[in-house]
């Protein structure tokens, strides 16, 4: 019986080692593919909140101590200042605009830096087609993972 326990213990250890190896391999693969996927998912959240014109949903995508550097050079440091900026953007027909991911990379500190393009979609008269073109240029974001596991904008700079 002692022999059987020993074999079972070895099987469990080998199984655990295999499971651990697979888990680590999956984590490494996720880390390699992660920044782009996180950026795409985050952009989808921004686009949905923006399309609906929901300031509170937009604000929920920023970290508590976020900074927004506006195209004018003004820095918004509080939720109220960030909300004011977005109200102005939304008033300019938000349903026509979209944020698209251009690039995403992970930094040594674990933050994700993204380059996003803010573009406008229009239907040219009588064409039946939708045309995309660059509107306000690029958005640069630094996303930090929050204690609850979500990714939120720590810094956002509009060019």
N, C-alpha and C. Protein backbone atom coordinates (compact mmCIF):
# COMPACT_ATOMS: atom_id res chain seq x y z
N UNK A 1 0.82 -1.19 0.00
CA UNK A 1 0.00 0.00 0.00
C UNK A 1 0.86 1.25 0.00
N UNK A 2 1.99 1.21 0.74
CA UNK A 2 2.89 2.36 0.74
C UNK A 2 3.41 2.65 -0.65
N UNK A 3 3.61 1.59 -1.45
CA UNK A 3 4.10 1.75 -2.80
C UNK A 3 3.08 2.49 -3.66
N UNK A 4 1.79 2.13 -3.50
CA UNK A 4 0.72 2.79 -4.26
C UNK A 4 0.59 4.26 -3.91
N UNK A 5 0.74 4.61 -2.66
CA UNK A 5 0.66 6.00 -2.24
C UNK A 5 1.81 6.78 -2.85
N UNK A 6 2.97 6.17 -2.87
CA UNK A 6 4.14 6.82 -3.42
C UNK A 6 3.95 7.12 -4.90
N UNK A 7 3.41 6.17 -5.64
CA UNK A 7 3.14 6.38 -7.06
C UNK A 7 2.08 7.46 -7.24
N UNK A 8 1.03 7.41 -6.44
CA UNK A 8 -0.03 8.42 -6.53
C UNK A 8 0.52 9.81 -6.21
N UNK A 9 1.39 9.88 -5.23
CA UNK A 9 1.99 11.16 -4.88
C UNK A 9 2.83 11.68 -6.05
N UNK A 10 3.59 10.78 -6.67
CA UNK A 10 4.40 11.17 -7.83
C UNK A 10 3.52 11.62 -8.99
N UNK A 11 2.46 10.90 -9.25
CA UNK A 11 1.53 11.25 -10.33
C UNK A 11 0.94 12.64 -10.07
N UNK A 12 0.54 12.89 -8.83
CA UNK A 12 -0.01 14.20 -8.48
C UNK A 12 1.02 15.30 -8.69
N UNK A 13 2.26 15.03 -8.26
CA UNK A 13 3.32 16.03 -8.42
C UNK A 13 3.60 16.30 -9.88
N UNK A 14 3.66 15.25 -10.67
CA UNK A 14 3.89 15.41 -12.11
C UNK A 14 2.72 16.16 -12.74
N UNK A 15 1.52 15.78 -12.36
CA UNK A 15 0.33 16.48 -12.88
C UNK A 15 0.33 17.94 -12.50
N UNK A 16 0.69 18.22 -11.26
CA UNK A 16 0.75 19.61 -10.80
C UNK A 16 1.82 20.38 -11.58
N UNK A 17 2.97 19.75 -11.81
CA UNK A 17 4.05 20.40 -12.56
C UNK A 17 3.61 20.69 -13.99
N UNK A 18 2.92 19.75 -14.61
CA UNK A 18 2.42 19.97 -15.97
C UNK A 18 1.40 21.10 -15.98
N UNK A 19 0.49 21.07 -15.02
CA UNK A 19 -0.52 22.13 -14.93
C UNK A 19 0.12 23.49 -14.70
N UNK A 20 1.11 23.55 -13.85
CA UNK A 20 1.82 24.80 -13.58
C UNK A 20 2.54 25.28 -14.83
N UNK A 21 3.19 24.37 -15.55
CA UNK A 21 3.89 24.73 -16.78
C UNK A 21 2.93 25.29 -17.82
N UNK A 22 1.79 24.62 -17.99
CA UNK A 22 0.79 25.09 -18.94
C UNK A 22 0.25 26.45 -18.55
N UNK A 23 0.02 26.63 -17.26
CA UNK A 23 -0.48 27.90 -16.75
C UNK A 23 0.52 29.02 -17.01
N UNK A 24 1.80 28.77 -16.74
CA UNK A 24 2.83 29.77 -16.99
C UNK A 24 2.95 30.07 -18.48
N UNK A 25 2.88 29.04 -19.31
CA UNK A 25 2.96 29.25 -20.76
C UNK A 25 1.79 30.09 -21.23
N UNK A 26 0.60 29.82 -20.68
CA UNK A 26 -0.58 30.60 -21.03
C UNK A 26 -0.41 32.05 -20.59
N UNK A 27 0.15 32.27 -19.40
CA UNK A 27 0.37 33.62 -18.89
C UNK A 27 1.34 34.38 -19.78
N UNK A 28 2.40 33.72 -20.21
CA UNK A 28 3.37 34.36 -21.09
C UNK A 28 2.71 34.70 -22.43
N UNK A 29 1.93 33.77 -22.97
CA UNK A 29 1.23 34.04 -24.23
C UNK A 29 0.25 35.19 -24.07
N UNK A 30 -0.45 35.22 -22.94
CA UNK A 30 -1.41 36.30 -22.70
C UNK A 30 -0.69 37.63 -22.57
N UNK A 31 0.48 37.62 -21.94
CA UNK A 31 1.23 38.87 -21.78
C UNK A 31 1.70 39.39 -23.13
N UNK A 32 2.06 38.49 -24.04
CA UNK A 32 2.51 38.90 -25.36
C UNK A 32 1.34 39.49 -26.16
N UNK A 33 0.18 38.84 -26.13
CA UNK A 33 -0.97 39.29 -26.90
C UNK A 33 -1.82 40.29 -26.13
N UNK A 34 -1.61 40.39 -24.83
CA UNK A 34 -2.47 41.18 -23.97
C UNK A 34 -2.63 42.65 -24.26
N UNK A 35 -1.56 43.41 -24.50
CA UNK A 35 -1.73 44.85 -24.64
C UNK A 35 -2.70 45.25 -25.75
N UNK A 36 -2.59 44.62 -26.90
CA UNK A 36 -3.48 44.95 -28.03
C UNK A 36 -4.92 44.57 -27.70
N UNK A 37 -5.11 43.40 -27.12
CA UNK A 37 -6.46 42.96 -26.75
C UNK A 37 -7.07 43.89 -25.71
N UNK A 38 -6.27 44.27 -24.72
CA UNK A 38 -6.77 45.19 -23.69
C UNK A 38 -7.10 46.54 -24.32
N UNK A 39 -6.24 47.02 -25.20
CA UNK A 39 -6.49 48.30 -25.87
C UNK A 39 -7.77 48.25 -26.70
N UNK A 40 -7.98 47.16 -27.43
CA UNK A 40 -9.19 47.02 -28.27
C UNK A 40 -10.45 46.98 -27.40
N UNK A 41 -10.40 46.23 -26.30
CA UNK A 41 -11.56 46.13 -25.41
C UNK A 41 -11.85 47.48 -24.76
N UNK A 42 -10.80 48.17 -24.37
CA UNK A 42 -10.98 49.49 -23.75
C UNK A 42 -11.53 50.48 -24.76
N UNK A 43 -11.03 50.46 -25.99
CA UNK A 43 -11.54 51.35 -27.03
C UNK A 43 -13.02 51.10 -27.28
N UNK A 44 -13.43 49.85 -27.24
CA UNK A 44 -14.85 49.51 -27.43
C UNK A 44 -15.70 50.12 -26.32
N UNK A 45 -15.18 50.10 -25.08
CA UNK A 45 -15.91 50.72 -23.96
C UNK A 45 -16.02 52.23 -24.16
N UNK A 46 -14.93 52.86 -24.58
CA UNK A 46 -14.96 54.31 -24.82
C UNK A 46 -15.97 54.63 -25.92
N UNK A 47 -15.92 53.86 -27.02
CA UNK A 47 -16.81 54.13 -28.14
C UNK A 47 -18.28 53.99 -27.75
N UNK A 48 -18.59 52.97 -26.97
CA UNK A 48 -19.98 52.76 -26.54
C UNK A 48 -20.45 53.91 -25.65
N UNK A 49 -19.64 54.28 -24.67
CA UNK A 49 -20.00 55.38 -23.77
C UNK A 49 -20.11 56.69 -24.55
N UNK A 50 -19.19 56.89 -25.46
CA UNK A 50 -19.17 58.11 -26.28
C UNK A 50 -20.39 58.17 -27.19
N UNK A 51 -20.69 57.03 -27.84
CA UNK A 51 -21.85 56.97 -28.76
C UNK A 51 -23.15 57.29 -28.03
N UNK A 52 -23.26 56.80 -26.79
CA UNK A 52 -24.47 57.04 -26.00
C UNK A 52 -24.47 58.41 -25.33
N UNK A 53 -23.32 59.07 -25.36
CA UNK A 53 -23.23 60.39 -24.73
C UNK A 53 -23.30 60.33 -23.22
N UNK A 54 -22.82 59.26 -22.64
CA UNK A 54 -22.92 59.05 -21.19
C UNK A 54 -21.63 59.46 -20.50
N UNK A 55 -21.62 60.66 -19.99
CA UNK A 55 -20.45 61.22 -19.32
C UNK A 55 -20.01 60.33 -18.15
N UNK A 56 -20.97 59.85 -17.35
CA UNK A 56 -20.60 59.04 -16.19
C UNK A 56 -19.91 57.74 -16.61
N UNK A 57 -20.31 57.18 -17.75
CA UNK A 57 -19.64 55.97 -18.26
C UNK A 57 -18.23 56.29 -18.73
N UNK A 58 -18.07 57.45 -19.36
CA UNK A 58 -16.74 57.88 -19.80
C UNK A 58 -15.84 58.09 -18.58
N UNK A 59 -16.36 58.78 -17.58
CA UNK A 59 -15.56 59.04 -16.37
C UNK A 59 -15.14 57.75 -15.67
N UNK A 60 -15.96 56.71 -15.77
CA UNK A 60 -15.62 55.44 -15.12
C UNK A 60 -14.42 54.76 -15.78
N UNK A 61 -14.00 55.24 -16.94
CA UNK A 61 -12.87 54.66 -17.65
C UNK A 61 -11.54 55.32 -17.27
N UNK A 62 -11.62 56.32 -16.40
CA UNK A 62 -10.42 57.02 -15.91
C UNK A 62 -10.10 56.56 -14.50
N UNK A 63 -8.81 56.48 -14.17
CA UNK A 63 -8.37 56.21 -12.81
C UNK A 63 -8.73 57.41 -11.94
N UNK A 64 -8.79 57.20 -10.64
CA UNK A 64 -9.18 58.27 -9.71
C UNK A 64 -8.29 59.50 -9.80
N UNK A 65 -7.01 59.31 -10.06
CA UNK A 65 -6.09 60.44 -10.12
C UNK A 65 -5.61 60.70 -11.54
N UNK A 66 -6.48 60.51 -12.52
CA UNK A 66 -6.12 60.64 -13.93
C UNK A 66 -5.87 62.09 -14.32
N UNK A 67 -5.06 62.24 -15.38
CA UNK A 67 -4.81 63.54 -16.00
C UNK A 67 -5.24 63.45 -17.46
N UNK A 68 -5.93 64.47 -17.95
CA UNK A 68 -6.30 64.56 -19.35
C UNK A 68 -5.65 65.83 -19.89
N UNK A 69 -4.77 65.68 -20.86
CA UNK A 69 -4.11 66.82 -21.50
C UNK A 69 -4.86 67.12 -22.78
N UNK A 70 -5.57 68.23 -22.78
CA UNK A 70 -6.44 68.59 -23.89
C UNK A 70 -5.63 69.10 -25.09
N UNK A 71 -6.23 69.12 -26.28
CA UNK A 71 -5.53 69.63 -27.46
C UNK A 71 -5.04 71.08 -27.28
N UNK A 72 -5.75 71.85 -26.47
CA UNK A 72 -5.37 73.24 -26.23
C UNK A 72 -4.17 73.37 -25.29
N UNK A 73 -3.76 72.27 -24.68
CA UNK A 73 -2.68 72.30 -23.71
C UNK A 73 -3.17 72.36 -22.27
N UNK A 74 -4.46 72.63 -22.10
CA UNK A 74 -5.04 72.67 -20.75
C UNK A 74 -5.02 71.27 -20.15
N UNK A 75 -4.76 71.20 -18.85
CA UNK A 75 -4.71 69.91 -18.15
C UNK A 75 -5.94 69.79 -17.25
N UNK A 76 -6.70 68.72 -17.45
CA UNK A 76 -7.85 68.43 -16.60
C UNK A 76 -7.41 67.41 -15.56
N UNK A 77 -7.59 67.76 -14.28
CA UNK A 77 -7.10 66.90 -13.19
C UNK A 77 -8.23 66.31 -12.35
N UNK A 78 -9.43 66.82 -12.47
CA UNK A 78 -10.53 66.34 -11.63
C UNK A 78 -11.60 65.73 -12.51
N UNK A 79 -12.43 64.87 -11.95
CA UNK A 79 -13.55 64.32 -12.73
C UNK A 79 -14.43 65.43 -13.32
N UNK A 80 -14.64 66.51 -12.59
CA UNK A 80 -15.47 67.61 -13.10
C UNK A 80 -14.84 68.24 -14.34
N UNK A 81 -13.52 68.46 -14.29
CA UNK A 81 -12.83 69.05 -15.45
C UNK A 81 -12.83 68.09 -16.64
N UNK A 82 -12.63 66.81 -16.38
CA UNK A 82 -12.66 65.81 -17.45
C UNK A 82 -14.06 65.73 -18.05
N UNK A 83 -15.08 65.77 -17.21
CA UNK A 83 -16.47 65.74 -17.69
C UNK A 83 -16.77 66.95 -18.57
N UNK A 84 -16.29 68.11 -18.19
CA UNK A 84 -16.52 69.33 -18.99
C UNK A 84 -15.90 69.18 -20.38
N UNK A 85 -14.70 68.63 -20.43
CA UNK A 85 -14.05 68.41 -21.72
C UNK A 85 -14.91 67.50 -22.60
N UNK A 86 -15.36 66.37 -22.02
CA UNK A 86 -16.13 65.41 -22.80
C UNK A 86 -17.51 65.94 -23.18
N UNK A 87 -18.10 66.76 -22.35
CA UNK A 87 -19.39 67.38 -22.73
C UNK A 87 -19.23 68.17 -24.01
N UNK A 88 -18.13 68.92 -24.11
CA UNK A 88 -17.87 69.68 -25.33
C UNK A 88 -17.69 68.80 -26.54
N UNK A 89 -16.99 67.68 -26.37
CA UNK A 89 -16.77 66.75 -27.49
C UNK A 89 -18.10 66.13 -27.90
N UNK A 90 -18.89 65.71 -26.94
CA UNK A 90 -20.17 65.05 -27.22
C UNK A 90 -21.14 65.99 -27.91
N UNK A 91 -21.10 67.25 -27.55
CA UNK A 91 -21.99 68.23 -28.19
C UNK A 91 -21.70 68.39 -29.67
N UNK A 92 -20.53 67.96 -30.10
CA UNK A 92 -20.17 68.04 -31.52
C UNK A 92 -20.51 66.74 -32.25
N UNK A 93 -21.71 66.22 -32.01
CA UNK A 93 -22.22 65.03 -32.70
C UNK A 93 -21.36 63.79 -32.45
N UNK A 94 -21.39 63.33 -31.23
CA UNK A 94 -20.54 62.22 -30.83
C UNK A 94 -20.77 60.93 -31.61
N UNK A 95 -21.97 60.73 -32.11
CA UNK A 95 -22.24 59.46 -32.79
C UNK A 95 -21.44 59.31 -34.08
N UNK A 96 -20.88 60.40 -34.57
CA UNK A 96 -20.11 60.34 -35.80
C UNK A 96 -18.65 59.99 -35.55
N UNK A 97 -18.20 60.01 -34.31
CA UNK A 97 -16.80 59.83 -34.01
C UNK A 97 -16.51 58.44 -33.44
N UNK A 98 -15.26 58.02 -33.63
CA UNK A 98 -14.87 56.70 -33.16
C UNK A 98 -13.40 56.71 -32.79
N UNK A 99 -13.06 55.96 -31.75
CA UNK A 99 -11.68 55.78 -31.33
C UNK A 99 -11.20 54.43 -31.84
N UNK A 100 -10.08 54.41 -32.55
CA UNK A 100 -9.51 53.19 -33.11
C UNK A 100 -8.09 53.00 -32.59
N UNK A 101 -7.73 51.77 -32.30
CA UNK A 101 -6.39 51.45 -31.80
C UNK A 101 -5.40 51.43 -32.96
N UNK A 102 -4.32 52.18 -32.79
CA UNK A 102 -3.23 52.17 -33.75
C UNK A 102 -2.09 51.30 -33.24
N UNK A 103 -1.77 51.44 -31.96
CA UNK A 103 -0.66 50.70 -31.37
C UNK A 103 -0.90 50.50 -29.88
N UNK A 104 -0.35 49.44 -29.33
CA UNK A 104 -0.43 49.18 -27.89
C UNK A 104 0.80 48.39 -27.48
N UNK A 105 1.38 48.81 -26.36
CA UNK A 105 2.56 48.11 -25.85
C UNK A 105 2.53 48.11 -24.33
N UNK A 106 3.19 47.12 -23.76
CA UNK A 106 3.28 47.04 -22.31
C UNK A 106 4.64 47.58 -21.87
N UNK A 107 4.63 48.36 -20.82
CA UNK A 107 5.85 48.94 -20.28
C UNK A 107 6.39 48.07 -19.15
N UNK A 108 7.62 48.35 -18.72
CA UNK A 108 8.24 47.57 -17.65
C UNK A 108 7.46 47.63 -16.35
N UNK A 109 6.78 48.75 -16.10
CA UNK A 109 6.02 48.89 -14.85
C UNK A 109 4.64 48.23 -14.93
N UNK A 110 4.34 47.58 -16.07
CA UNK A 110 3.06 46.89 -16.23
C UNK A 110 1.97 47.74 -16.83
N UNK A 111 2.22 49.03 -17.02
CA UNK A 111 1.21 49.88 -17.65
C UNK A 111 1.17 49.58 -19.15
N UNK A 112 0.06 49.93 -19.76
CA UNK A 112 -0.10 49.75 -21.20
C UNK A 112 -0.21 51.13 -21.83
N UNK A 113 0.65 51.38 -22.80
CA UNK A 113 0.65 52.65 -23.52
C UNK A 113 0.01 52.40 -24.88
N UNK A 114 -0.99 53.21 -25.20
CA UNK A 114 -1.69 53.03 -26.47
C UNK A 114 -1.65 54.31 -27.29
N UNK A 115 -1.64 54.12 -28.58
CA UNK A 115 -1.85 55.21 -29.52
C UNK A 115 -3.19 54.92 -30.18
N UNK A 116 -4.09 55.88 -30.07
CA UNK A 116 -5.43 55.73 -30.63
C UNK A 116 -5.67 56.84 -31.64
N UNK A 117 -6.52 56.59 -32.59
CA UNK A 117 -6.89 57.60 -33.56
C UNK A 117 -8.35 57.96 -33.35
N UNK A 118 -8.60 59.24 -33.29
CA UNK A 118 -9.96 59.75 -33.15
C UNK A 118 -10.42 60.10 -34.56
N UNK A 119 -11.40 59.37 -35.08
CA UNK A 119 -11.82 59.57 -36.46
C UNK A 119 -13.31 59.83 -36.54
N UNK A 120 -13.71 60.38 -37.64
CA UNK A 120 -15.10 60.73 -37.88
C UNK A 120 -15.63 59.86 -39.02
N UNK A 121 -16.86 59.42 -38.88
CA UNK A 121 -17.50 58.64 -39.93
C UNK A 121 -18.61 59.49 -40.54
N UNK A 122 -18.65 59.54 -41.84
CA UNK A 122 -19.66 60.33 -42.52
C UNK A 122 -20.23 59.57 -43.70
N UNK A 123 -21.45 59.90 -44.04
CA UNK A 123 -22.07 59.40 -45.26
C UNK A 123 -22.10 60.54 -46.27
N UNK A 124 -21.20 60.50 -47.26
CA UNK A 124 -21.24 61.55 -48.28
C UNK A 124 -22.60 61.57 -48.98
N UNK A 125 -23.04 62.74 -49.36
CA UNK A 125 -24.37 62.90 -49.96
C UNK A 125 -24.59 61.93 -51.12
N UNK A 126 -25.70 61.22 -51.08
CA UNK A 126 -26.16 60.31 -52.13
C UNK A 126 -25.20 59.18 -52.48
N UNK A 127 -24.25 58.87 -51.61
CA UNK A 127 -23.30 57.82 -51.98
C UNK A 127 -23.69 56.47 -51.38
N UNK A 128 -24.41 56.48 -50.26
CA UNK A 128 -24.76 55.23 -49.60
C UNK A 128 -23.57 54.55 -48.93
N UNK A 129 -22.42 55.21 -48.93
CA UNK A 129 -21.22 54.65 -48.32
C UNK A 129 -20.83 55.44 -47.07
N UNK A 130 -20.15 54.76 -46.17
CA UNK A 130 -19.61 55.43 -44.99
C UNK A 130 -18.12 55.62 -45.21
N UNK A 131 -17.68 56.81 -44.95
CA UNK A 131 -16.28 57.14 -45.14
C UNK A 131 -15.66 57.49 -43.79
N UNK A 132 -14.49 56.96 -43.50
CA UNK A 132 -13.79 57.30 -42.27
C UNK A 132 -12.63 58.22 -42.63
N UNK A 133 -12.40 59.20 -41.79
CA UNK A 133 -11.20 59.99 -41.95
C UNK A 133 -10.77 60.53 -40.60
N UNK A 134 -9.49 60.83 -40.50
CA UNK A 134 -8.93 61.32 -39.27
C UNK A 134 -9.51 62.68 -38.94
N UNK A 135 -9.91 62.87 -37.71
CA UNK A 135 -10.50 64.14 -37.30
C UNK A 135 -9.59 64.89 -36.36
N UNK A 136 -9.52 64.51 -35.12
CA UNK A 136 -8.75 65.24 -34.12
C UNK A 136 -7.35 64.69 -33.92
N UNK A 137 -6.93 63.75 -34.70
CA UNK A 137 -5.58 63.23 -34.57
C UNK A 137 -5.50 62.06 -33.60
N UNK A 138 -4.40 62.05 -32.87
CA UNK A 138 -4.12 60.91 -32.02
C UNK A 138 -4.41 61.19 -30.55
N UNK A 139 -4.75 60.12 -29.88
CA UNK A 139 -4.87 60.10 -28.42
C UNK A 139 -3.80 59.16 -27.91
N UNK A 140 -3.05 59.60 -26.95
CA UNK A 140 -2.08 58.73 -26.30
C UNK A 140 -2.59 58.45 -24.91
N UNK A 141 -2.64 57.19 -24.52
CA UNK A 141 -3.14 56.79 -23.21
C UNK A 141 -2.11 55.96 -22.48
N UNK A 142 -2.08 56.13 -21.18
CA UNK A 142 -1.34 55.22 -20.31
C UNK A 142 -2.41 54.58 -19.43
N UNK A 143 -2.59 53.28 -19.60
CA UNK A 143 -3.58 52.54 -18.82
C UNK A 143 -2.87 51.80 -17.69
N UNK A 144 -3.45 51.87 -16.52
CA UNK A 144 -2.93 51.16 -15.35
C UNK A 144 -3.99 50.16 -14.89
N UNK A 145 -3.51 49.00 -14.49
CA UNK A 145 -4.42 47.99 -13.94
C UNK A 145 -4.83 48.43 -12.54
N UNK A 146 -6.12 48.41 -12.28
CA UNK A 146 -6.67 48.83 -11.00
C UNK A 146 -6.76 47.63 -10.06
N UNK A 147 -6.90 47.88 -8.76
CA UNK A 147 -7.01 46.76 -7.80
C UNK A 147 -8.13 45.78 -8.13
N UNK A 148 -9.20 46.26 -8.80
CA UNK A 148 -10.30 45.36 -9.15
C UNK A 148 -10.06 44.61 -10.46
N UNK A 149 -8.88 44.80 -11.07
CA UNK A 149 -8.53 44.09 -12.30
C UNK A 149 -8.84 44.84 -13.57
N UNK A 150 -9.58 45.94 -13.49
CA UNK A 150 -9.91 46.71 -14.68
C UNK A 150 -8.72 47.57 -15.10
N UNK A 151 -8.73 48.01 -16.34
CA UNK A 151 -7.71 48.91 -16.86
C UNK A 151 -8.34 50.28 -17.05
N UNK A 152 -7.71 51.29 -16.49
CA UNK A 152 -8.24 52.64 -16.59
C UNK A 152 -7.15 53.61 -17.03
N UNK A 153 -7.59 54.67 -17.69
CA UNK A 153 -6.66 55.69 -18.17
C UNK A 153 -6.09 56.46 -16.98
N UNK A 154 -4.77 56.45 -16.88
CA UNK A 154 -4.06 57.23 -15.87
C UNK A 154 -3.70 58.59 -16.45
N UNK A 155 -3.25 58.56 -17.70
CA UNK A 155 -2.91 59.78 -18.43
C UNK A 155 -3.48 59.64 -19.83
N UNK A 156 -4.08 60.72 -20.32
CA UNK A 156 -4.59 60.74 -21.68
C UNK A 156 -4.18 62.07 -22.30
N UNK A 157 -3.49 62.00 -23.43
CA UNK A 157 -3.05 63.21 -24.11
C UNK A 157 -3.63 63.25 -25.52
N UNK A 158 -4.30 64.34 -25.82
CA UNK A 158 -4.88 64.54 -27.14
C UNK A 158 -3.90 65.36 -27.97
N UNK A 159 -3.59 64.89 -29.17
CA UNK A 159 -2.75 65.66 -30.10
C UNK A 159 -3.62 66.29 -31.16
